[in-house]
């Protein structure tokens, strides 16, 4: 069995550089089996999910105005089961509908559940008699058990619609948010109590609504935020406890809410960015600038007006950069995203356009699920065709046309620089190309020490359907986290690793840490201390000799020790609300008996070449005896960007390569520790 490593979605084996890795940006309709049930008209919402966990993507909805059975044959929770080739068969449960839907595992039993806001709560049973509900699944996609006590009890009197799941209080289970159906019922967030009961943590009642609600961490603090089409505002930042405040900083204010929003990371900085349709039918993209705390327009060449009604952000060609699709007035268009200027400028290039019918308004639009397992995302939509009074909604799917050739697997989320909290629920997403008959499962593991491990297993096998729900352990934190996805397909073991590191914060949102450029010095030697703390740190207090006196308050100070001895160093950091202290006992040794020979013995013999370099450099070193070797790379801000190795090695000459192709040009620092030996130096990465 051969093992094939894929990094950032690119096969390392040159012989596999076939066009399988490049999307054609061409799509064909794949709606066989979607003609039943019949729909009526009005808005709805769609979700991609492998609801019965057979490895094939399914589509879920609770229908439009015709649900349940109003001039139509649709009713309840509807699941169109996919066959892995783009054909569908439907199962329907319940007598209610007309609203939005979300999919997630709310009780952490391993089965996918659903949450939904609706207008037609017509059911005579507990399933479907509230305007906002959650129902537990049993893994079949057919049987649903109400789990919704306390929902829709805070002024939701007319109807709810757009719905999403996220862990807004970072306690290890999914919570629910929803937006009003039209005017009057407001927007609401409810906290999951873990026993089928829910308590509202945030709510706004008055105001018009355009139905949609989307969760995501916008400002990279590890807390869930949301965007919504509501008069109360567009963006709201969460505090990690279920409370939210408006964050429309620099966003346009419209007389009526915008349309069809989506949240994804557009500029690869780890935070979610916003796309939506403006009142003129044009496409807007706004990225959030955490440093200046405002939204920045990155719409670029996208049309500022037109007939579009919904938008979706998705990496359609799986090249690691976000693309965008929009639908409205029977026109479906896809633009490829290209990041320029060190990810500060985004160029949008139209790659695909199709007319879906003679005339068709958008009732729902979703992108992301790979329905035919060719390794590229597909799209599904509901469009209203015809004119009143004979207009009618139709469900359609459009799949990307690249034929399957070689198996592969690629990370989708996280993809680097995201910030998560200990104990929180997160979705991890991937996409793979496999034969339609494949029953292979995916193993997922995480590393806290860089892209080479060591690895801790999350799951030994989950269906290869592109999503796994992860409860991050309460005991881990690191700014050098990676995920590894392993897919055994035929004779090949395919391995994909997150392109860049992401961060897991401690419970209070910060973690203190630091390094010194030398820990064994003579009196009056200069020592540079570098802060490696995690979180949105605003203040630093350094105590270099553990005498409870603050010696420095800058982030990366320099200090001189005048007297020989062993010194304990303490750093206390704060984000303005929480603080944490890191103490390193006897960290610095100052001795006046050090001669040149002693100093040389304390540093491993090493070479770095080439330096400066443009893509890859080699670190070569000599070990005088078997030692545990740790080599880390830091950027000019003192942040660790990679750990190249942490393992025991025998006496002798060794070398390791550092591939910095995914990093921006600049000055970096290496730190090598081999037993008691320690070394640190500068490496310069130049523009390619």
Foldseek 3Di string as FASTA:
>chain_A
DAAWEAELNHTPDPVPPDCLLFFLPDKDWQEAAQPPWFAFDFFWEKDWDQQLQQQFIKIWTQGAPCEPPNVIPGYAIKIFTFLLARHTHIEHDHRFGHAYKEWDQQLPPFGIWMKIAHQGQPGPDPRRNARIWIWDDDSHSHDTHTLGAAPRPPFQDGIWHAKYWFQQQLQQGIWMKTAGPFFFAWIWTWHDPNRSHIHTLDTDGGWTFPTHKAWFAQLQLQGIWIAGQTLVAGTWDGDNHNDTDHQQAPPDHDPGGFAAKDWDDALPQQGTWMWTAGPQRWIWTWHADNVVSHIDTQCPPTDNHDFWGHKDWDQQSSSNHIKMWTDAQQKIWIWHWDADDNSPHIDTHTSDMDRRDPTWGWSYKDKDWQRNQSFGIWIKTWTWDDDPPPITIGIIIMHRDDDRDDKAKEWDPPQANHEHEAQTKDKTWMGIHAHSPDSWFKWKWKAQAFDVHDTDTPDPGGRNGTIDIDGHHQPDWHQHMKMWIWTDHDPYIYIYMRNFTYTYAHPVSKDWDKDWQDQEEAAFDKIKIATAMGGQWDWKFKDWAPPPDGDDIDHIDIDGHHDFDFGKIKMWTDNPPDIDMDIDGSRHGYDNPDDPVNLVVQAWDWDWPDFADAFKIKIKTFAQAWWFKWKWKAAPNRHTTRIQDTGIDGGGMDMGMDTCNVPDWDKMKMWMDTPSHIHMDIGGHDHD
